[in-house]
Protein backbone atom coordinates (compact mmCIF):
# COMPACT_ATOMS: atom_id res chain seq x y z
CA UNK A 1 27.11 87.94 -7.77
CA UNK A 2 25.70 85.58 -10.83
CA UNK A 3 28.89 84.16 -12.29
CA UNK A 4 28.54 85.48 -15.81
CA UNK A 5 28.51 89.08 -14.87
CA UNK A 6 31.05 88.40 -13.06
CA UNK A 7 34.50 90.20 -15.19
CA UNK A 8 37.70 88.31 -15.82
CA UNK A 9 40.89 89.15 -14.52
CA UNK A 10 42.03 90.26 -18.05
CA UNK A 11 38.83 92.41 -18.33
CA UNK A 12 39.60 94.00 -15.61
CA UNK A 13 43.17 94.40 -16.36
CA UNK A 14 42.53 95.65 -19.68
CA UNK A 15 40.07 97.98 -18.47
CA UNK A 16 42.19 99.60 -16.09
CA UNK A 17 45.09 99.94 -19.19
CA UNK A 18 41.90 101.55 -21.27
CA UNK A 19 41.76 104.00 -18.37
CA UNK A 20 45.46 104.66 -18.25
CA UNK A 21 45.80 104.97 -21.82
CA UNK A 22 43.18 107.73 -22.13
CA UNK A 23 45.00 110.15 -19.68
CA UNK A 24 47.43 112.30 -22.27
CA UNK A 25 49.69 113.91 -19.34
CA UNK A 26 50.59 112.83 -15.69
CA UNK A 27 48.41 116.33 -14.89
CA UNK A 28 45.19 115.26 -16.41
CA UNK A 29 44.81 112.37 -13.17
CA UNK A 30 45.57 115.27 -10.68
CA UNK A 31 42.77 117.15 -12.56
CA UNK A 32 40.64 113.96 -12.59
CA UNK A 33 40.82 114.11 -8.85
CA UNK A 34 40.94 117.68 -8.40
CA UNK A 35 37.40 117.59 -10.15
CA UNK A 36 35.71 114.31 -8.90
CA UNK A 37 36.77 116.56 -5.15
CA UNK A 38 34.92 119.59 -6.12
CA UNK A 39 31.78 117.27 -7.48
CA UNK A 40 31.90 115.41 -3.96
CA UNK A 41 31.70 118.86 -1.83
CA UNK A 42 29.02 120.45 -3.93
CA UNK A 43 26.63 117.52 -4.09
CA UNK A 44 27.43 116.86 -0.20
CA UNK A 45 26.53 120.82 0.00
CA UNK A 46 23.15 120.51 -1.95
CA UNK A 47 22.08 117.05 0.33
CA UNK A 48 23.03 118.77 2.90
CA UNK A 49 20.27 122.30 1.24
CA UNK A 50 17.69 119.68 0.99
CA UNK A 51 17.70 118.42 4.00
CA UNK A 52 17.34 121.86 5.94
CA UNK A 53 14.98 122.82 4.04
């Protein structure tokens, strides 16, 4: 990777903190994980349907 494109540890920590701060309560993270799982299942099913056609 080109060195100037690589984020510093400080930038990575800030990004993680910003993501963590964006969740308003403890359940938000669980809801996000569930939604990501549903999206992945739907995407895989769509790919499977397209492959069979």
